[in-house]
């Protein structure tokens, strides 16, 4: 359940229309009663604070080309890697390859 709440919060934070809302207000809107708990859970899940995510998402959402503008109009979210979910393990003796 918490994962679903975090995903919804992540999408809401990246939405340009919610930029005036505080991070705490977004957290409350999706069921988190404590801003501190929300921030810790968000950082654990996505590897950055909700404020960092919002800043990066809004900055990356700025269209820089006609393709970017079309994606922005279509509501596409910026690609931000989610570190820590499935860390790659390097195998010994190989360079640049990962094993599952």
PDB file of N, CA and C in Angstrom:
ATOM      1  N   UNK A   1       0.837  -1.182   0.000  1.00  0.00           N
ATOM      2  CA  UNK A   1       0.000   0.000   0.000  1.00  0.00           C
ATOM      3  C   UNK A   1       0.885   1.251   0.000  1.00  0.00           C
ATOM      4  N   UNK A   2       1.905   1.255   0.851  1.00  0.00           N
ATOM      5  CA  UNK A   2       2.786   2.419   0.935  1.00  0.00           C
ATOM      6  C   UNK A   2       3.480   2.682  -0.403  1.00  0.00           C
ATOM      7  N   UNK A   3       3.860   1.624  -1.086  1.00  0.00           N
ATOM      8  CA  UNK A   3       4.520   1.782  -2.385  1.00  0.00           C
ATOM      9  C   UNK A   3       3.596   2.518  -3.356  1.00  0.00           C
ATOM     10  N   UNK A   4       2.316   2.175  -3.338  1.00  0.00           N
ATOM     11  CA  UNK A   4       1.339   2.843  -4.199  1.00  0.00           C
ATOM     12  C   UNK A   4       1.212   4.320  -3.838  1.00  0.00           C
ATOM     13  N   UNK A   5       1.162   4.596  -2.537  1.00  0.00           N
ATOM     14  CA  UNK A   5       1.074   5.996  -2.073  1.00  0.00           C
ATOM     15  C   UNK A   5       2.302   6.783  -2.527  1.00  0.00           C
ATOM     16  N   UNK A   6       3.470   6.167  -2.367  1.00  0.00           N
ATOM     17  CA  UNK A   6       4.705   6.854  -2.772  1.00  0.00           C
ATOM     18  C   UNK A   6       4.726   7.127  -4.270  1.00  0.00           C
ATOM     19  N   UNK A   7       4.265   6.175  -5.058  1.00  0.00           N
ATOM     20  CA  UNK A   7       4.234   6.366  -6.510  1.00  0.00           C
ATOM     21  C   UNK A   7       3.291   7.507  -6.876  1.00  0.00           C
ATOM     22  N   UNK A   8       2.144   7.567  -6.232  1.00  0.00           N
ATOM     23  CA  UNK A   8       1.200   8.658  -6.497  1.00  0.00           C
ATOM     24  C   UNK A   8       1.799  10.001  -6.089  1.00  0.00           C
ATOM     25  N   UNK A   9       2.452  10.028  -4.938  1.00  0.00           N
ATOM     26  CA  UNK A   9       3.104  11.260  -4.486  1.00  0.00           C
ATOM     27  C   UNK A   9       4.182  11.683  -5.467  1.00  0.00           C
ATOM     28  N   UNK A  10       4.947  10.731  -5.949  1.00  0.00           N
ATOM     29  CA  UNK A  10       6.024  11.025  -6.900  1.00  0.00           C
ATOM     30  C   UNK A  10       5.460  11.670  -8.156  1.00  0.00           C
ATOM     31  N   UNK A  11       4.365  11.108  -8.675  1.00  0.00           N
ATOM     32  CA  UNK A  11       3.735  11.688  -9.871  1.00  0.00           C
ATOM     33  C   UNK A  11       3.192  13.089  -9.586  1.00  0.00           C
ATOM     34  N   UNK A  12       2.581  13.254  -8.413  1.00  0.00           N
ATOM     35  CA  UNK A  12       2.013  14.556  -8.063  1.00  0.00           C
ATOM     36  C   UNK A  12       3.109  15.603  -7.900  1.00  0.00           C
ATOM     37  N   UNK A  13       4.214  15.236  -7.286  1.00  0.00           N
ATOM     38  CA  UNK A  13       5.318  16.178  -7.106  1.00  0.00           C
ATOM     39  C   UNK A  13       5.911  16.612  -8.441  1.00  0.00           C
ATOM     40  N   UNK A  14       5.861  15.746  -9.437  1.00  0.00           N
ATOM     41  CA  UNK A  14       6.428  16.060 -10.756  1.00  0.00           C
ATOM     42  C   UNK A  14       5.461  16.868 -11.614  1.00  0.00           C
ATOM     43  N   UNK A  15       4.223  16.943 -11.185  1.00  0.00           N
ATOM     44  CA  UNK A  15       3.207  17.666 -11.958  1.00  0.00           C
ATOM     45  C   UNK A  15       3.378  19.166 -11.773  1.00  0.00           C
ATOM     46  N   UNK A  16       3.494  19.873 -12.880  1.00  0.00           N
ATOM     47  CA  UNK A  16       3.696  21.325 -12.832  1.00  0.00           C
ATOM     48  C   UNK A  16       2.556  22.018 -12.093  1.00  0.00           C
ATOM     49  N   UNK A  17       1.344  21.525 -12.210  1.00  0.00           N
ATOM     50  CA  UNK A  17       0.188  22.143 -11.571  1.00  0.00           C
ATOM     51  C   UNK A  17       0.201  22.084 -10.058  1.00  0.00           C
ATOM     52  N   UNK A  18       1.000  21.199  -9.487  1.00  0.00           N
ATOM     53  CA  UNK A  18       1.046  21.089  -8.025  1.00  0.00           C
ATOM     54  C   UNK A  18       2.298  21.736  -7.436  1.00  0.00           C
ATOM     55  N   UNK A  19       3.022  22.500  -8.238  1.00  0.00           N
ATOM     56  CA  UNK A  19       4.276  23.101  -7.779  1.00  0.00           C
ATOM     57  C   UNK A  19       4.063  24.055  -6.606  1.00  0.00           C
ATOM     58  N   UNK A  20       2.854  24.624  -6.478  1.00  0.00           N
ATOM     59  CA  UNK A  20       2.586  25.552  -5.377  1.00  0.00           C
ATOM     60  C   UNK A  20       2.303  24.820  -4.062  1.00  0.00           C
ATOM     61  N   UNK A  21       1.989  23.532  -4.134  1.00  0.00           N
ATOM     62  CA  UNK A  21       1.728  22.749  -2.916  1.00  0.00           C
ATOM     63  C   UNK A  21       3.043  22.411  -2.218  1.00  0.00           C
ATOM     64  N   UNK A  22       3.016  22.397  -0.902  1.00  0.00           N
ATOM     65  CA  UNK A  22       4.211  21.979  -0.175  1.00  0.00           C
ATOM     66  C   UNK A  22       4.340  20.458  -0.268  1.00  0.00           C
ATOM     67  N   UNK A  23       5.532  19.970  -0.016  1.00  0.00           N
ATOM     68  CA  UNK A  23       5.760  18.532  -0.001  1.00  0.00           C
ATOM     69  C   UNK A  23       4.886  17.895   1.077  1.00  0.00           C
ATOM     70  N   UNK A  24       4.761  18.549   2.215  1.00  0.00           N
ATOM     71  CA  UNK A  24       3.925  18.032   3.300  1.00  0.00           C
ATOM     72  C   UNK A  24       2.466  17.920   2.874  1.00  0.00           C
ATOM     73  N   UNK A  25       1.978  18.902   2.137  1.00  0.00           N
ATOM     74  CA  UNK A  25       0.587  18.873   1.673  1.00  0.00           C
ATOM     75  C   UNK A  25       0.363  17.716   0.705  1.00  0.00           C
ATOM     76  N   UNK A  26       1.320  17.463  -0.170  1.00  0.00           N
ATOM     77  CA  UNK A  26       1.218  16.333  -1.093  1.00  0.00           C
ATOM     78  C   UNK A  26       1.204  15.034  -0.300  1.00  0.00           C
ATOM     79  N   UNK A  27       2.075  14.918   0.687  1.00  0.00           N
ATOM     80  CA  UNK A  27       2.132  13.715   1.512  1.00  0.00           C
ATOM     81  C   UNK A  27       0.796  13.474   2.215  1.00  0.00           C
ATOM     82  N   UNK A  28       0.236  14.518   2.815  1.00  0.00           N
ATOM     83  CA  UNK A  28      -1.060  14.388   3.498  1.00  0.00           C
ATOM     84  C   UNK A  28      -2.165  13.996   2.519  1.00  0.00           C
ATOM     85  N   UNK A  29      -2.130  14.565   1.334  1.00  0.00           N
ATOM     86  CA  UNK A  29      -3.146  14.278   0.325  1.00  0.00           C
ATOM     87  C   UNK A  29      -3.201  12.783  -0.003  1.00  0.00           C
ATOM     88  N   UNK A  30      -2.075  12.105   0.088  1.00  0.00           N
ATOM     89  CA  UNK A  30      -2.019  10.691  -0.273  1.00  0.00           C
ATOM     90  C   UNK A  30      -1.868   9.764   0.936  1.00  0.00           C
ATOM     91  N   UNK A  31      -2.243  10.254   2.112  1.00  0.00           N
ATOM     92  CA  UNK A  31      -2.373   9.356   3.260  1.00  0.00           C
ATOM     93  C   UNK A  31      -1.240   9.322   4.258  1.00  0.00           C
ATOM     94  N   UNK A  32      -0.217  10.119   4.080  1.00  0.00           N
ATOM     95  CA  UNK A  32       0.871  10.151   5.058  1.00  0.00           C
ATOM     96  C   UNK A  32       0.532  11.193   6.113  1.00  0.00           C
ATOM     97  N   UNK A  33       0.562  10.788   7.375  1.00  0.00           N
ATOM     98  CA  UNK A  33       0.228  11.728   8.452  1.00  0.00           C
ATOM     99  C   UNK A  33       1.449  12.495   8.945  1.00  0.00           C
ATOM    100  N   UNK A  34       2.636  12.012   8.626  1.00  0.00           N
ATOM    101  CA  UNK A  34       3.865  12.644   9.086  1.00  0.00           C
ATOM    102  C   UNK A  34       4.758  12.969   7.887  1.00  0.00           C
ATOM    103  N   UNK A  35       5.127  14.237   7.767  1.00  0.00           N
ATOM    104  CA  UNK A  35       6.018  14.646   6.677  1.00  0.00           C
ATOM    105  C   UNK A  35       7.389  13.982   6.814  1.00  0.00           C
ATOM    106  N   UNK A  36       7.851  13.817   8.043  1.00  0.00           N
ATOM    107  CA  UNK A  36       9.162  13.191   8.262  1.00  0.00           C
ATOM    108  C   UNK A  36       9.142  11.726   7.819  1.00  0.00           C
ATOM    109  N   UNK A  37       8.077  11.017   8.177  1.00  0.00           N
ATOM    110  CA  UNK A  37       7.957   9.612   7.765  1.00  0.00           C
ATOM    111  C   UNK A  37       7.888   9.515   6.240  1.00  0.00           C
ATOM    112  N   UNK A  38       7.102  10.398   5.623  1.00  0.00           N
ATOM    113  CA  UNK A  38       6.992  10.419   4.168  1.00  0.00           C
ATOM    114  C   UNK A  38       8.365  10.650   3.526  1.00  0.00           C
ATOM    115  N   UNK A  39       9.099  11.635   4.025  1.00  0.00           N
ATOM    116  CA  UNK A  39      10.408  11.948   3.451  1.00  0.00           C
ATOM    117  C   UNK A  39      11.370  10.777   3.571  1.00  0.00           C
ATOM    118  N   UNK A  40      11.372  10.111   4.730  1.00  0.00           N
ATOM    119  CA  UNK A  40      12.257   8.943   4.904  1.00  0.00           C
ATOM    120  C   UNK A  40      11.870   7.816   3.956  1.00  0.00           C
ATOM    121  N   UNK A  41      10.571   7.532   3.851  1.00  0.00           N
ATOM    122  CA  UNK A  41      10.102   6.452   2.974  1.00  0.00           C
ATOM    123  C   UNK A  41      10.405   6.789   1.508  1.00  0.00           C
ATOM    124  N   UNK A  42      10.207   8.044   1.121  1.00  0.00           N
ATOM    125  CA  UNK A  42      10.462   8.474  -0.255  1.00  0.00           C
ATOM    126  C   UNK A  42      11.942   8.320  -0.583  1.00  0.00           C
ATOM    127  N   UNK A  43      12.804   8.766   0.322  1.00  0.00           N
ATOM    128  CA  UNK A  43      14.256   8.664   0.095  1.00  0.00           C
ATOM    129  C   UNK A  43      14.686   7.199  -0.006  1.00  0.00           C
ATOM    130  N   UNK A  44      14.116   6.362   0.845  1.00  0.00           N
ATOM    131  CA  UNK A  44      14.443   4.934   0.823  1.00  0.00           C
ATOM    132  C   UNK A  44      14.031   4.310  -0.521  1.00  0.00           C
ATOM    133  N   UNK A  45      12.890   4.721  -1.047  1.00  0.00           N
ATOM    134  CA  UNK A  45      12.361   4.146  -2.281  1.00  0.00           C
ATOM    135  C   UNK A  45      13.055   4.691  -3.522  1.00  0.00           C
ATOM    136  N   UNK A  46      13.308   6.012  -3.559  1.00  0.00           N
ATOM    137  CA  UNK A  46      13.789   6.639  -4.783  1.00  0.00           C
ATOM    138  C   UNK A  46      15.213   7.187  -4.710  1.00  0.00           C
ATOM    139  N   UNK A  47      15.839   7.138  -3.554  1.00  0.00           N
ATOM    140  CA  UNK A  47      17.230   7.563  -3.452  1.00  0.00           C
ATOM    141  C   UNK A  47      17.449   9.064  -3.404  1.00  0.00           C
ATOM    142  N   UNK A  48      16.378   9.829  -3.213  1.00  0.00           N
ATOM    143  CA  UNK A  48      16.486  11.282  -3.086  1.00  0.00           C
ATOM    144  C   UNK A  48      15.275  11.775  -2.309  1.00  0.00           C
ATOM    145  N   UNK A  49      15.388  12.979  -1.772  1.00  0.00           N
ATOM    146  CA  UNK A  49      14.282  13.535  -0.996  1.00  0.00           C
ATOM    147  C   UNK A  49      13.146  13.936  -1.941  1.00  0.00           C
ATOM    148  N   UNK A  50      11.931  14.077  -1.420  1.00  0.00           N
ATOM    149  CA  UNK A  50      10.821  14.537  -2.260  1.00  0.00           C
ATOM    150  C   UNK A  50      11.106  15.905  -2.889  1.00  0.00           C
ATOM    151  N   UNK A  51      11.744  16.802  -2.140  1.00  0.00           N
ATOM    152  CA  UNK A  51      12.062  18.132  -2.674  1.00  0.00           C
ATOM    153  C   UNK A  51      13.079  18.026  -3.815  1.00  0.00           C
ATOM    154  N   UNK A  52      14.082  17.163  -3.654  1.00  0.00           N
ATOM    155  CA  UNK A  52      15.066  16.961  -4.725  1.00  0.00           C
ATOM    156  C   UNK A  52      14.390  16.399  -5.972  1.00  0.00           C
ATOM    157  N   UNK A  53      13.492  15.422  -5.771  1.00  0.00           N
ATOM    158  CA  UNK A  53      12.765  14.825  -6.896  1.00  0.00           C
ATOM    159  C   UNK A  53      11.956  15.894  -7.634  1.00  0.00           C
ATOM    160  N   UNK A  54      11.213  16.702  -6.860  1.00  0.00           N
ATOM    161  CA  UNK A  54      10.373  17.736  -7.474  1.00  0.00           C
ATOM    162  C   UNK A  54      11.224  18.696  -8.289  1.00  0.00           C
ATOM    163  N   UNK A  55      12.318  19.149  -7.705  1.00  0.00           N
ATOM    164  CA  UNK A  55      13.196  20.098  -8.400  1.00  0.00           C
ATOM    165  C   UNK A  55      13.722  19.498  -9.700  1.00  0.00           C
ATOM    166  N   UNK A  56      14.193  18.274  -9.636  1.00  0.00           N
ATOM    167  CA  UNK A  56      14.749  17.618 -10.822  1.00  0.00           C
ATOM    168  C   UNK A  56      13.657  17.361 -11.858  1.00  0.00           C
ATOM    169  N   UNK A  57      12.504  16.884 -11.405  1.00  0.00           N
ATOM    170  CA  UNK A  57      11.413  16.562 -12.331  1.00  0.00           C
ATOM    171  C   UNK A  57      10.909  17.807 -13.041  1.00  0.00           C
ATOM    172  N   UNK A  58      10.740  18.890 -12.308  1.00  0.00           N
ATOM    173  CA  UNK A  58      10.251  20.121 -12.928  1.00  0.00           C
ATOM    174  C   UNK A  58      11.296  20.731 -13.852  1.00  0.00           C
ATOM    175  N   UNK A  59      12.560  20.656 -13.439  1.00  0.00           N
ATOM    176  CA  UNK A  59      13.634  21.176 -14.290  1.00  0.00           C
ATOM    177  C   UNK A  59      13.739  20.354 -15.573  1.00  0.00           C
ATOM    178  N   UNK A  60      13.688  19.028 -15.454  1.00  0.00           N
ATOM    179  CA  UNK A  60      13.815  18.154 -16.618  1.00  0.00           C
ATOM    180  C   UNK A  60      12.581  18.200 -17.510  1.00  0.00           C
ATOM    181  N   UNK A  61      11.465  18.654 -16.972  1.00  0.00           N
ATOM    182  CA  UNK A  61      10.230  18.713 -17.755  1.00  0.00           C
ATOM    183  C   UNK A  61      10.210  19.922 -18.684  1.00  0.00           C
ATOM    184  N   UNK A  62      11.152  20.850 -18.515  1.00  0.00           N
ATOM    185  CA  UNK A  62      11.213  22.013 -19.398  1.00  0.00           C
ATOM    186  C   UNK A  62      11.538  21.542 -20.801  1.00  0.00           C
ATOM    187  N   UNK A  63      10.676  21.829 -21.760  1.00  0.00           N
ATOM    188  CA  UNK A  63      10.946  21.392 -23.134  1.00  0.00           C
ATOM    189  C   UNK A  63      12.115  22.162 -23.734  1.00  0.00           C
ATOM    190  N   UNK A  64      13.054  21.423 -24.327  1.00  0.00           N
ATOM    191  CA  UNK A  64      14.222  22.052 -24.940  1.00  0.00           C
ATOM    192  C   UNK A  64      14.222  21.852 -26.450  1.00  0.00           C
ATOM    193  N   UNK A  65      13.323  21.022 -26.954  1.00  0.00           N
ATOM    194  CA  UNK A  65      13.216  20.786 -28.389  1.00  0.00           C
ATOM    195  C   UNK A  65      11.763  20.544 -28.727  1.00  0.00           C
ATOM    196  N   UNK A  66      11.463  20.426 -30.005  1.00  0.00           N
ATOM    197  CA  UNK A  66      10.077  20.164 -30.396  1.00  0.00           C
ATOM    198  C   UNK A  66       9.634  18.808 -29.870  1.00  0.00           C
ATOM    199  N   UNK A  67      10.537  17.834 -29.829  1.00  0.00           N
ATOM    200  CA  UNK A  67      10.209  16.514 -29.287  1.00  0.00           C
ATOM    201  C   UNK A  67       9.931  16.607 -27.796  1.00  0.00           C
ATOM    202  N   UNK A  68      10.771  17.356 -27.092  1.00  0.00           N
ATOM    203  CA  UNK A  68      10.574  17.543 -25.653  1.00  0.00           C
ATOM    204  C   UNK A  68       9.285  18.280 -25.361  1.00  0.00           C
ATOM    205  N   UNK A  69       8.955  19.255 -26.190  1.00  0.00           N
ATOM    206  CA  UNK A  69       7.715  20.005 -26.002  1.00  0.00           C
ATOM    207  C   UNK A  69       6.514  19.104 -26.207  1.00  0.00           C
ATOM    208  N   UNK A  70       6.585  18.214 -27.205  1.00  0.00           N
ATOM    209  CA  UNK A  70       5.470  17.296 -27.449  1.00  0.00           C
ATOM    210  C   UNK A  70       5.299  16.337 -26.278  1.00  0.00           C
ATOM    211  N   UNK A  71       6.393  15.826 -25.751  1.00  0.00           N
ATOM    212  CA  UNK A  71       6.314  14.929 -24.604  1.00  0.00           C
ATOM    213  C   UNK A  71       5.770  15.669 -23.390  1.00  0.00           C
ATOM    214  N   UNK A  72       6.195  16.915 -23.224  1.00  0.00           N
ATOM    215  CA  UNK A  72       5.727  17.715 -22.098  1.00  0.00           C
ATOM    216  C   UNK A  72       4.221  17.936 -22.199  1.00  0.00           C
ATOM    217  N   UNK A  73       3.739  18.281 -23.392  1.00  0.00           N
ATOM    218  CA  UNK A  73       2.301  18.496 -23.581  1.00  0.00           C
ATOM    219  C   UNK A  73       1.529  17.212 -23.337  1.00  0.00           C
ATOM    220  N   UNK A  74       2.116  16.074 -23.667  1.00  0.00           N
ATOM    221  CA  UNK A  74       1.439  14.791 -23.487  1.00  0.00           C
ATOM    222  C   UNK A  74       1.464  14.349 -22.035  1.00  0.00           C
ATOM    223  N   UNK A  75       2.160  15.071 -21.173  1.00  0.00           N
ATOM    224  CA  UNK A  75       2.189  14.733 -19.753  1.00  0.00           C
ATOM    225  C   UNK A  75       3.226  13.694 -19.382  1.00  0.00           C
ATOM    226  N   UNK A  76       4.212  13.481 -20.236  1.00  0.00           N
ATOM    227  CA  UNK A  76       5.245  12.487 -19.944  1.00  0.00           C
ATOM    228  C   UNK A  76       6.077  12.934 -18.755  1.00  0.00           C
ATOM    229  N   UNK A  77       6.419  11.983 -17.901  1.00  0.00           N
ATOM    230  CA  UNK A  77       7.264  12.282 -16.751  1.00  0.00           C
ATOM    231  C   UNK A  77       8.720  12.213 -17.175  1.00  0.00           C
ATOM    232  N   UNK A  78       9.565  13.016 -16.553  1.00  0.00           N
ATOM    233  CA  UNK A  78      10.992  12.934 -16.862  1.00  0.00           C
ATOM    234  C   UNK A  78      11.553  11.611 -16.363  1.00  0.00           C
ATOM    235  N   UNK A  79      12.563  11.137 -17.043  1.00  0.00           N
ATOM    236  CA  UNK A  79      13.204   9.902 -16.594  1.00  0.00           C
ATOM    237  C   UNK A  79      14.221  10.249 -15.515  1.00  0.00           C
ATOM    238  N   UNK A  80      14.001   9.719 -14.339  1.00  0.00           N
ATOM    239  CA  UNK A  80      14.945   9.876 -13.245  1.00  0.00           C
ATOM    240  C   UNK A  80      15.220   8.486 -12.716  1.00  0.00           C
ATOM    241  N   UNK A  81      16.465   8.043 -12.734  1.00  0.00           N
ATOM    242  CA  UNK A  81      16.764   6.697 -12.265  1.00  0.00           C
ATOM    243  C   UNK A  81      16.350   6.504 -10.816  1.00  0.00           C
ATOM    244  N   UNK A  82      15.921   5.304 -10.495  1.00  0.00           N
ATOM    245  CA  UNK A  82      15.508   4.988  -9.141  1.00  0.00           C
ATOM    246  C   UNK A  82      16.563   4.071  -8.514  1.00  0.00           C
ATOM    247  N   UNK A  83      17.598   4.670  -7.948  1.00  0.00           N
ATOM    248  CA  UNK A  83      18.695   3.865  -7.407  1.00  0.00           C
ATOM    249  C   UNK A  83      18.246   3.031  -6.221  1.00  0.00           C
ATOM    250  N   UNK A  84      18.867   1.891  -6.082  1.00  0.00           N
ATOM    251  CA  UNK A  84      18.646   1.084  -4.900  1.00  0.00           C
ATOM    252  C   UNK A  84      17.539   0.060  -5.019  1.00  0.00           C
ATOM    253  N   UNK A  85      16.697   0.142  -6.042  1.00  0.00           N
ATOM    254  CA  UNK A  85      15.626  -0.835  -6.147  1.00  0.00           C
ATOM    255  C   UNK A  85      16.179  -2.204  -6.522  1.00  0.00           C
ATOM    256  N   UNK A  86      16.986  -2.248  -7.562  1.00  0.00           N
ATOM    257  CA  UNK A  86      17.574  -3.490  -8.006  1.00  0.00           C
ATOM    258  C   UNK A  86      19.034  -3.245  -8.315  1.00  0.00           C
ATOM    259  N   UNK A  87      19.864  -3.157  -7.289  1.00  0.00           N
ATOM    260  CA  UNK A  87      21.276  -2.846  -7.549  1.00  0.00           C
ATOM    261  C   UNK A  87      21.946  -3.958  -8.353  1.00  0.00           C
ATOM    262  N   UNK A  88      22.709  -3.557  -9.340  1.00  0.00           N
ATOM    263  CA  UNK A  88      23.426  -4.517 -10.169  1.00  0.00           C
ATOM    264  C   UNK A  88      24.634  -5.040  -9.402  1.00  0.00           C
ATOM    265  N   UNK A  89      24.906  -6.299  -9.591  1.00  0.00           N
ATOM    266  CA  UNK A  89      26.090  -6.896  -8.971  1.00  0.00           C
ATOM    267  C   UNK A  89      27.107  -7.182 -10.056  1.00  0.00           C
ATOM    268  N   UNK A  90      28.307  -6.754  -9.822  1.00  0.00           N
ATOM    269  CA  UNK A  90      29.370  -7.018 -10.788  1.00  0.00           C
ATOM    270  C   UNK A  90      29.918  -8.421 -10.539  1.00  0.00           C
ATOM    271  N   UNK A  91      30.202  -9.109 -11.628  1.00  0.00           N
ATOM    272  CA  UNK A  91      30.821 -10.404 -11.497  1.00  0.00           C
ATOM    273  C   UNK A  91      32.315 -10.241 -11.657  1.00  0.00           C
ATOM    274  N   UNK A  92      33.076 -11.022 -10.959  1.00  0.00           N
ATOM    275  CA  UNK A  92      34.520 -10.865 -11.012  1.00  0.00           C
ATOM    276  C   UNK A  92      35.050 -11.254 -12.378  1.00  0.00           C
ATOM    277  N   UNK A  93      36.013 -10.488 -12.819  1.00  0.00           N
ATOM    278  CA  UNK A  93      36.673 -10.780 -14.074  1.00  0.00           C
ATOM    279  C   UNK A  93      36.002 -10.208 -15.304  1.00  0.00           C
ATOM    280  N   UNK A  94      34.837  -9.588 -15.126  1.00  0.00           N
ATOM    281  CA  UNK A  94      34.190  -8.965 -16.284  1.00  0.00           C
ATOM    282  C   UNK A  94      34.050  -7.495 -16.027  1.00  0.00           C
ATOM    283  N   UNK A  95      34.212  -6.745 -17.059  1.00  0.00           N
ATOM    284  CA  UNK A  95      34.154  -5.296 -16.924  1.00  0.00           C
ATOM    285  C   UNK A  95      32.900  -4.767 -17.596  1.00  0.00           C
ATOM    286  N   UNK A  96      32.094  -4.013 -16.849  1.00  0.00           N
ATOM    287  CA  UNK A  96      30.930  -3.376 -17.422  1.00  0.00           C
ATOM    288  C   UNK A  96      29.720  -4.271 -17.599  1.00  0.00           C
ATOM    289  N   UNK A  97      29.778  -5.505 -17.175  1.00  0.00           N
ATOM    290  CA  UNK A  97      28.603  -6.379 -17.294  1.00  0.00           C
ATOM    291  C   UNK A  97      28.027  -6.588 -15.906  1.00  0.00           C
ATOM    292  N   UNK A  98      26.782  -6.900 -15.888  1.00  0.00           N
ATOM    293  CA  UNK A  98      26.124  -7.152 -14.616  1.00  0.00           C
ATOM    294  C   UNK A  98      25.464  -8.508 -14.637  1.00  0.00           C
ATOM    295  N   UNK A  99      25.295  -9.056 -13.486  1.00  0.00           N
ATOM    296  CA  UNK A  99      24.605 -10.339 -13.351  1.00  0.00           C
ATOM    297  C   UNK A  99      23.367 -10.128 -12.505  1.00  0.00           C
ATOM    298  N   UNK A 100      22.326 -10.863 -12.784  1.00  0.00           N
ATOM    299  CA  UNK A 100      21.081 -10.690 -12.027  1.00  0.00           C
ATOM    300  C   UNK A 100      21.078 -11.504 -10.776  1.00  0.00           C
TER     301      UNK A 100
END
